[in-house]
Amino acid sequence: MILVDTSVWIEFLNKKEPYCSYLLYLLGHQDVMAVEPVFAELLQGASGQSETRLLMTYFNNLPKPQIKNLLLQAGLQS
């Protein structure tokens, strides 16, 4: 399972390659997890209600991590 960074989502939403194809592949194989901080950033930059709805559709349909302090733990790995 992969946590996709905000910058990758932005490139995907702008249909930039190779991000678009690769993220579509990962989404199609159910290999992407949604985390609130990333989607909160994306929603801040959403341009209109249709983009907000699209982002919320992804967020609502993707699995979320169930590990306590996951982001904190990820920061400690560096």
PDB file of N, CA and C in Angstrom:
ATOM      1  N   MET A   1       0.851  -1.170   0.000  1.00  0.00           N
ATOM      2  CA  MET A   1       0.000   0.000   0.000  1.00  0.00           C
ATOM      3  C   MET A   1       0.900   1.238   0.000  1.00  0.00           C
ATOM      4  N   ILE A   2       0.522   2.243  -0.768  1.00  0.00           N
ATOM      5  CA  ILE A   2       1.338   3.438  -0.954  1.00  0.00           C
ATOM      6  C   ILE A   2       0.584   4.675  -0.481  1.00  0.00           C
ATOM      7  N   LEU A   3       1.301   5.543   0.239  1.00  0.00           N
ATOM      8  CA  LEU A   3       0.776   6.858   0.598  1.00  0.00           C
ATOM      9  C   LEU A   3       1.308   7.833  -0.451  1.00  0.00           C
ATOM     10  N   VAL A   4       0.429   8.408  -1.227  1.00  0.00           N
ATOM     11  CA  VAL A   4       0.821   9.277  -2.332  1.00  0.00           C
ATOM     12  C   VAL A   4       0.926  10.717  -1.838  1.00  0.00           C
ATOM     13  N   ASP A   5       2.045  11.344  -2.140  1.00  0.00           N
ATOM     14  CA  ASP A   5       2.315  12.723  -1.737  1.00  0.00           C
ATOM     15  C   ASP A   5       1.426  13.714  -2.491  1.00  0.00           C
ATOM     16  N   THR A   6       1.192  14.853  -1.874  1.00  0.00           N
ATOM     17  CA  THR A   6       0.380  15.910  -2.467  1.00  0.00           C
ATOM     18  C   THR A   6       0.865  16.280  -3.866  1.00  0.00           C
ATOM     19  N   SER A   7       2.171  16.415  -4.029  1.00  0.00           N
ATOM     20  CA  SER A   7       2.714  16.837  -5.326  1.00  0.00           C
ATOM     21  C   SER A   7       2.407  15.829  -6.428  1.00  0.00           C
ATOM     22  N   VAL A   8       2.389  14.557  -6.092  1.00  0.00           N
ATOM     23  CA  VAL A   8       2.055  13.522  -7.084  1.00  0.00           C
ATOM     24  C   VAL A   8       0.579  13.605  -7.452  1.00  0.00           C
ATOM     25  N   TRP A   9      -0.286  13.793  -6.452  1.00  0.00           N
ATOM     26  CA  TRP A   9      -1.712  13.962  -6.740  1.00  0.00           C
ATOM     27  C   TRP A   9      -1.943  15.160  -7.659  1.00  0.00           C
ATOM     28  N   ILE A  10      -1.239  16.257  -7.417  1.00  0.00           N
ATOM     29  CA  ILE A  10      -1.396  17.452  -8.247  1.00  0.00           C
ATOM     30  C   ILE A  10      -1.016  17.148  -9.692  1.00  0.00           C
ATOM     31  N   GLU A  11       0.103  16.477  -9.886  1.00  0.00           N
ATOM     32  CA  GLU A  11       0.523  16.107 -11.244  1.00  0.00           C
ATOM     33  C   GLU A  11      -0.501  15.173 -11.888  1.00  0.00           C
ATOM     34  N   PHE A  12      -1.035  14.253 -11.106  1.00  0.00           N
ATOM     35  CA  PHE A  12      -2.075  13.338 -11.588  1.00  0.00           C
ATOM     36  C   PHE A  12      -3.321  14.106 -12.018  1.00  0.00           C
ATOM     37  N   LEU A  13      -3.774  15.014 -11.172  1.00  0.00           N
ATOM     38  CA  LEU A  13      -4.981  15.789 -11.479  1.00  0.00           C
ATOM     39  C   LEU A  13      -4.781  16.691 -12.694  1.00  0.00           C
ATOM     40  N   ASN A  14      -3.543  17.101 -12.936  1.00  0.00           N
ATOM     41  CA  ASN A  14      -3.218  17.908 -14.116  1.00  0.00           C
ATOM     42  C   ASN A  14      -2.887  17.047 -15.330  1.00  0.00           C
ATOM     43  N   LYS A  15      -3.057  15.723 -15.170  1.00  0.00           N
ATOM     44  CA  LYS A  15      -2.834  14.759 -16.257  1.00  0.00           C
ATOM     45  C   LYS A  15      -1.411  14.811 -16.825  1.00  0.00           C
ATOM     46  N   LYS A  16      -0.445  15.027 -15.946  1.00  0.00           N
ATOM     47  CA  LYS A  16       0.960  15.058 -16.357  1.00  0.00           C
ATOM     48  C   LYS A  16       1.537  13.647 -16.274  1.00  0.00           C
ATOM     49  N   GLU A  17       2.273  13.295 -17.314  1.00  0.00           N
ATOM     50  CA  GLU A  17       2.935  11.997 -17.351  1.00  0.00           C
ATOM     51  C   GLU A  17       4.338  12.124 -16.781  1.00  0.00           C
ATOM     52  N   PRO A  18       4.869  11.081 -16.189  1.00  0.00           N
ATOM     53  CA  PRO A  18       4.331   9.725 -16.049  1.00  0.00           C
ATOM     54  C   PRO A  18       3.425   9.544 -14.831  1.00  0.00           C
ATOM     55  N   TYR A  19       3.206  10.621 -14.081  1.00  0.00           N
ATOM     56  CA  TYR A  19       2.431  10.538 -12.841  1.00  0.00           C
ATOM     57  C   TYR A  19       1.024  10.001 -13.080  1.00  0.00           C
ATOM     58  N   CYS A  20       0.377  10.518 -14.114  1.00  0.00           N
ATOM     59  CA  CYS A  20      -1.010  10.150 -14.373  1.00  0.00           C
ATOM     60  C   CYS A  20      -1.143   8.648 -14.615  1.00  0.00           C
ATOM     61  N   SER A  21      -0.348   8.107 -15.527  1.00  0.00           N
ATOM     62  CA  SER A  21      -0.426   6.680 -15.848  1.00  0.00           C
ATOM     63  C   SER A  21      -0.089   5.811 -14.647  1.00  0.00           C
ATOM     64  N   TYR A  22       0.961   6.195 -13.934  1.00  0.00           N
ATOM     65  CA  TYR A  22       1.397   5.373 -12.810  1.00  0.00           C
ATOM     66  C   TYR A  22       0.387   5.386 -11.672  1.00  0.00           C
ATOM     67  N   LEU A  23      -0.159   6.559 -11.357  1.00  0.00           N
ATOM     68  CA  LEU A  23      -1.144   6.618 -10.278  1.00  0.00           C
ATOM     69  C   LEU A  23      -2.434   5.917 -10.690  1.00  0.00           C
ATOM     70  N   LEU A  24      -2.831   6.029 -11.947  1.00  0.00           N
ATOM     71  CA  LEU A  24      -3.995   5.271 -12.427  1.00  0.00           C
ATOM     72  C   LEU A  24      -3.769   3.773 -12.254  1.00  0.00           C
ATOM     73  N   TYR A  25      -2.546   3.327 -12.555  1.00  0.00           N
ATOM     74  CA  TYR A  25      -2.196   1.920 -12.381  1.00  0.00           C
ATOM     75  C   TYR A  25      -2.336   1.519 -10.907  1.00  0.00           C
ATOM     76  N   LEU A  26      -1.757   2.320 -10.018  1.00  0.00           N
ATOM     77  CA  LEU A  26      -1.823   2.011  -8.587  1.00  0.00           C
ATOM     78  C   LEU A  26      -3.260   2.032  -8.073  1.00  0.00           C
ATOM     79  N   LEU A  27      -4.035   3.021  -8.514  1.00  0.00           N
ATOM     80  CA  LEU A  27      -5.442   3.094  -8.097  1.00  0.00           C
ATOM     81  C   LEU A  27      -6.212   1.880  -8.603  1.00  0.00           C
ATOM     82  N   GLY A  28      -5.946   1.479  -9.835  1.00  0.00           N
ATOM     83  CA  GLY A  28      -6.617   0.321 -10.408  1.00  0.00           C
ATOM     84  C   GLY A  28      -6.294  -0.980  -9.699  1.00  0.00           C
ATOM     85  N   HIS A  29      -5.128  -1.034  -9.098  1.00  0.00           N
ATOM     86  CA  HIS A  29      -4.705  -2.226  -8.347  1.00  0.00           C
ATOM     87  C   HIS A  29      -4.949  -2.085  -6.845  1.00  0.00           C
ATOM     88  N   GLN A  30      -5.665  -1.046  -6.468  1.00  0.00           N
ATOM     89  CA  GLN A  30      -6.006  -0.777  -5.065  1.00  0.00           C
ATOM     90  C   GLN A  30      -4.776  -0.748  -4.173  1.00  0.00           C
ATOM     91  N   ASP A  31      -3.748  -0.047  -4.658  1.00  0.00           N
ATOM     92  CA  ASP A  31      -2.483   0.062  -3.934  1.00  0.00           C
ATOM     93  C   ASP A  31      -2.255   1.433  -3.310  1.00  0.00           C
ATOM     94  N   VAL A  32      -3.296   2.275  -3.240  1.00  0.00           N
ATOM     95  CA  VAL A  32      -3.149   3.643  -2.735  1.00  0.00           C
ATOM     96  C   VAL A  32      -3.997   3.828  -1.484  1.00  0.00           C
ATOM     97  N   MET A  33      -3.401   4.466  -0.483  1.00  0.00           N
ATOM     98  CA  MET A  33      -4.131   4.824   0.736  1.00  0.00           C
ATOM     99  C   MET A  33      -4.297   6.342   0.772  1.00  0.00           C
ATOM    100  N   ALA A  34      -5.370   6.788   1.395  1.00  0.00           N
ATOM    101  CA  ALA A  34      -5.619   8.224   1.566  1.00  0.00           C
ATOM    102  C   ALA A  34      -5.263   8.632   2.986  1.00  0.00           C
ATOM    103  N   VAL A  35      -4.570   9.752   3.112  1.00  0.00           N
ATOM    104  CA  VAL A  35      -4.292  10.309   4.435  1.00  0.00           C
ATOM    105  C   VAL A  35      -4.832  11.735   4.472  1.00  0.00           C
ATOM    106  N   GLU A  36      -5.418  12.095   5.587  1.00  0.00           N
ATOM    107  CA  GLU A  36      -6.094  13.390   5.718  1.00  0.00           C
ATOM    108  C   GLU A  36      -5.197  14.589   5.407  1.00  0.00           C
ATOM    109  N   PRO A  37      -3.953  14.653   5.893  1.00  0.00           N
ATOM    110  CA  PRO A  37      -3.149  15.851   5.617  1.00  0.00           C
ATOM    111  C   PRO A  37      -2.948  16.106   4.125  1.00  0.00           C
ATOM    112  N   VAL A  38      -2.763  15.056   3.350  1.00  0.00           N
ATOM    113  CA  VAL A  38      -2.570  15.215   1.904  1.00  0.00           C
ATOM    114  C   VAL A  38      -3.842  15.743   1.264  1.00  0.00           C
ATOM    115  N   PHE A  39      -4.975  15.150   1.595  1.00  0.00           N
ATOM    116  CA  PHE A  39      -6.226  15.594   0.990  1.00  0.00           C
ATOM    117  C   PHE A  39      -6.645  16.972   1.500  1.00  0.00           C
ATOM    118  N   ALA A  40      -6.270  17.313   2.711  1.00  0.00           N
ATOM    119  CA  ALA A  40      -6.542  18.664   3.215  1.00  0.00           C
ATOM    120  C   ALA A  40      -5.779  19.684   2.378  1.00  0.00           C
ATOM    121  N   GLU A  41      -4.514  19.383   2.050  1.00  0.00           N
ATOM    122  CA  GLU A  41      -3.735  20.273   1.183  1.00  0.00           C
ATOM    123  C   GLU A  41      -4.361  20.385  -0.198  1.00  0.00           C
ATOM    124  N   LEU A  42      -4.761  19.250  -0.750  1.00  0.00           N
ATOM    125  CA  LEU A  42      -5.375  19.251  -2.081  1.00  0.00           C
ATOM    126  C   LEU A  42      -6.664  20.067  -2.096  1.00  0.00           C
ATOM    127  N   LEU A  43      -7.467  19.919  -1.053  1.00  0.00           N
ATOM    128  CA  LEU A  43      -8.729  20.656  -0.984  1.00  0.00           C
ATOM    129  C   LEU A  43      -8.504  22.162  -0.873  1.00  0.00           C
ATOM    130  N   GLN A  44      -7.414  22.555  -0.222  1.00  0.00           N
ATOM    131  CA  GLN A  44      -7.087  23.981  -0.123  1.00  0.00           C
ATOM    132  C   GLN A  44      -6.842  24.584  -1.504  1.00  0.00           C
ATOM    133  N   GLY A  45      -6.301  23.782  -2.415  1.00  0.00           N
ATOM    134  CA  GLY A  45      -5.998  24.276  -3.751  1.00  0.00           C
ATOM    135  C   GLY A  45      -7.043  23.939  -4.793  1.00  0.00           C
ATOM    136  N   ALA A  46      -8.135  23.301  -4.373  1.00  0.00           N
ATOM    137  CA  ALA A  46      -9.173  22.908  -5.332  1.00  0.00           C
ATOM    138  C   ALA A  46      -9.760  24.126  -6.023  1.00  0.00           C
ATOM    139  N   SER A  47      -9.932  24.002  -7.330  1.00  0.00           N
ATOM    140  CA  SER A  47     -10.493  25.118  -8.097  1.00  0.00           C
ATOM    141  C   SER A  47     -11.957  24.822  -8.440  1.00  0.00           C
ATOM    142  N   GLY A  48     -12.804  25.059  -7.483  1.00  0.00           N
ATOM    143  CA  GLY A  48     -14.235  24.901  -7.716  1.00  0.00           C
ATOM    144  C   GLY A  48     -14.832  23.648  -7.105  1.00  0.00           C
ATOM    145  N   GLN A  49     -16.152  23.604  -7.161  1.00  0.00           N
ATOM    146  CA  GLN A  49     -16.889  22.511  -6.535  1.00  0.00           C
ATOM    147  C   GLN A  49     -16.668  21.170  -7.226  1.00  0.00           C
ATOM    148  N   SER A  50     -16.491  21.169  -8.532  1.00  0.00           N
ATOM    149  CA  SER A  50     -16.307  19.890  -9.225  1.00  0.00           C
ATOM    150  C   SER A  50     -14.986  19.235  -8.814  1.00  0.00           C
ATOM    151  N   GLU A  51     -13.943  20.036  -8.657  1.00  0.00           N
ATOM    152  CA  GLU A  51     -12.658  19.480  -8.216  1.00  0.00           C
ATOM    153  C   GLU A  51     -12.747  19.035  -6.757  1.00  0.00           C
ATOM    154  N   THR A  52     -13.444  19.788  -5.936  1.00  0.00           N
ATOM    155  CA  THR A  52     -13.647  19.393  -4.538  1.00  0.00           C
ATOM    156  C   THR A  52     -14.386  18.069  -4.472  1.00  0.00           C
ATOM    157  N   ARG A  53     -15.436  17.923  -5.279  1.00  0.00           N
ATOM    158  CA  ARG A  53     -16.193  16.661  -5.300  1.00  0.00           C
ATOM    159  C   ARG A  53     -15.317  15.496  -5.750  1.00  0.00           C
ATOM    160  N   LEU A  54     -14.489  15.728  -6.767  1.00  0.00           N
ATOM    161  CA  LEU A  54     -13.596  14.681  -7.261  1.00  0.00           C
ATOM    162  C   LEU A  54     -12.632  14.239  -6.163  1.00  0.00           C
ATOM    163  N   LEU A  55     -12.021  15.205  -5.501  1.00  0.00           N
ATOM    164  CA  LEU A  55     -11.083  14.887  -4.415  1.00  0.00           C
ATOM    165  C   LEU A  55     -11.770  14.124  -3.292  1.00  0.00           C
ATOM    166  N   MET A  56     -12.970  14.564  -2.920  1.00  0.00           N
ATOM    167  CA  MET A  56     -13.694  13.882  -1.846  1.00  0.00           C
ATOM    168  C   MET A  56     -14.112  12.475  -2.262  1.00  0.00           C
ATOM    169  N   THR A  57     -14.397  12.282  -3.543  1.00  0.00           N
ATOM    170  CA  THR A  57     -14.714  10.935  -4.029  1.00  0.00           C
ATOM    171  C   THR A  57     -13.513  10.017  -3.860  1.00  0.00           C
ATOM    172  N   TYR A  58     -12.330  10.498  -4.268  1.00  0.00           N
ATOM    173  CA  TYR A  58     -11.120   9.698  -4.052  1.00  0.00           C
ATOM    174  C   TYR A  58     -10.930   9.434  -2.564  1.00  0.00           C
ATOM    175  N   PHE A  59     -10.995  10.490  -1.760  1.00  0.00           N
ATOM    176  CA  PHE A  59     -10.753  10.328  -0.323  1.00  0.00           C
ATOM    177  C   PHE A  59     -11.733   9.334   0.303  1.00  0.00           C
ATOM    178  N   ASN A  60     -12.996   9.460  -0.021  1.00  0.00           N
ATOM    179  CA  ASN A  60     -14.011   8.592   0.587  1.00  0.00           C
ATOM    180  C   ASN A  60     -13.917   7.143   0.141  1.00  0.00           C
ATOM    181  N   ASN A  61     -13.352   6.903  -1.037  1.00  0.00           N
ATOM    182  CA  ASN A  61     -13.313   5.544  -1.568  1.00  0.00           C
ATOM    183  C   ASN A  61     -11.980   4.832  -1.387  1.00  0.00           C
ATOM    184  N   LEU A  62     -10.963   5.559  -0.980  1.00  0.00           N
ATOM    185  CA  LEU A  62      -9.663   4.924  -0.756  1.00  0.00           C
ATOM    186  C   LEU A  62      -9.558   4.461   0.695  1.00  0.00           C
ATOM    187  N   PRO A  63      -8.820   3.362   0.909  1.00  0.00           N
ATOM    188  CA  PRO A  63      -8.612   2.930   2.295  1.00  0.00           C
ATOM    189  C   PRO A  63      -7.764   3.952   3.045  1.00  0.00           C
ATOM    190  N   LYS A  64      -7.964   4.002   4.352  1.00  0.00           N
ATOM    191  CA  LYS A  64      -7.201   4.894   5.218  1.00  0.00           C
ATOM    192  C   LYS A  64      -6.332   4.054   6.150  1.00  0.00           C
ATOM    193  N   PRO A  65      -5.167   4.552   6.511  1.00  0.00           N
ATOM    194  CA  PRO A  65      -4.308   3.808   7.438  1.00  0.00           C
ATOM    195  C   PRO A  65      -4.971   3.683   8.808  1.00  0.00           C
ATOM    196  N   GLN A  66      -4.792   2.549   9.425  1.00  0.00           N
ATOM    197  CA  GLN A  66      -5.362   2.297  10.747  1.00  0.00           C
ATOM    198  C   GLN A  66      -4.279   2.209  11.817  1.00  0.00           C
ATOM    199  N   ILE A  67      -3.090   2.686  11.487  1.00  0.00           N
ATOM    200  CA  ILE A  67      -1.964   2.618  12.411  1.00  0.00           C
ATOM    201  C   ILE A  67      -1.847   3.948  13.147  1.00  0.00           C
ATOM    202  N   LYS A  68      -1.879   3.879  14.476  1.00  0.00           N
ATOM    203  CA  LYS A  68      -1.760   5.088  15.288  1.00  0.00           C
ATOM    204  C   LYS A  68      -0.381   5.706  15.077  1.00  0.00           C
ATOM    205  N   ASN A  69      -0.351   7.030  14.893  1.00  0.00           N
ATOM    206  CA  ASN A  69       0.889   7.792  14.719  1.00  0.00           C
ATOM    207  C   ASN A  69       1.652   7.413  13.457  1.00  0.00           C
ATOM    208  N   LEU A  70       0.959   6.993  12.413  1.00  0.00           N
ATOM    209  CA  LEU A  70       1.604   6.573  11.173  1.00  0.00           C
ATOM    210  C   LEU A  70       2.498   7.665  10.592  1.00  0.00           C
ATOM    211  N   LEU A  71       2.007   8.893  10.528  1.00  0.00           N
ATOM    212  CA  LEU A  71       2.798   9.966   9.943  1.00  0.00           C
ATOM    213  C   LEU A  71       4.008  10.293  10.813  1.00  0.00           C
ATOM    214  N   LEU A  72       3.831  10.236  12.097  1.00  0.00           N
ATOM    215  CA  LEU A  72       4.953  10.464  13.008  1.00  0.00           C
ATOM    216  C   LEU A  72       6.006   9.383  12.812  1.00  0.00           C
ATOM    217  N   GLN A  73       5.575   8.137  12.709  1.00  0.00           N
ATOM    218  CA  GLN A  73       6.481   7.025  12.503  1.00  0.00           C
ATOM    219  C   GLN A  73       7.227   7.166  11.166  1.00  0.00           C
ATOM    220  N   ALA A  74       6.523   7.632  10.141  1.00  0.00           N
ATOM    221  CA  ALA A  74       7.160   7.825   8.828  1.00  0.00           C
ATOM    222  C   ALA A  74       8.260   8.875   8.944  1.00  0.00           C
ATOM    223  N   GLY A  75       8.036   9.924   9.708  1.00  0.00           N
ATOM    224  CA  GLY A  75       9.046  10.962   9.894  1.00  0.00           C
ATOM    225  C   GLY A  75      10.274  10.460  10.625  1.00  0.00           C
ATOM    226  N   LEU A  76      10.095   9.502  11.490  1.00  0.00           N
ATOM    227  CA  LEU A  76      11.218   8.956  12.247  1.00  0.00           C
ATOM    228  C   LEU A  76      12.076   8.009  11.410  1.00  0.00           C
ATOM    229  N   GLN A  77      11.580   7.576  10.253  1.00  0.00           N
ATOM    230  CA  GLN A  77      12.305   6.638   9.404  1.00  0.00           C
ATOM    231  C   GLN A  77      13.438   7.284   8.634  1.00  0.00           C
ATOM    232  N   SER A  78      13.469   8.606   8.568  1.00  0.00           N
ATOM    233  CA  SER A  78      14.503   9.270   7.754  1.00  0.00           C
ATOM    234  C   SER A  78      15.828   9.355   8.462  1.00  0.00           C
TER     235      SER A  78
END
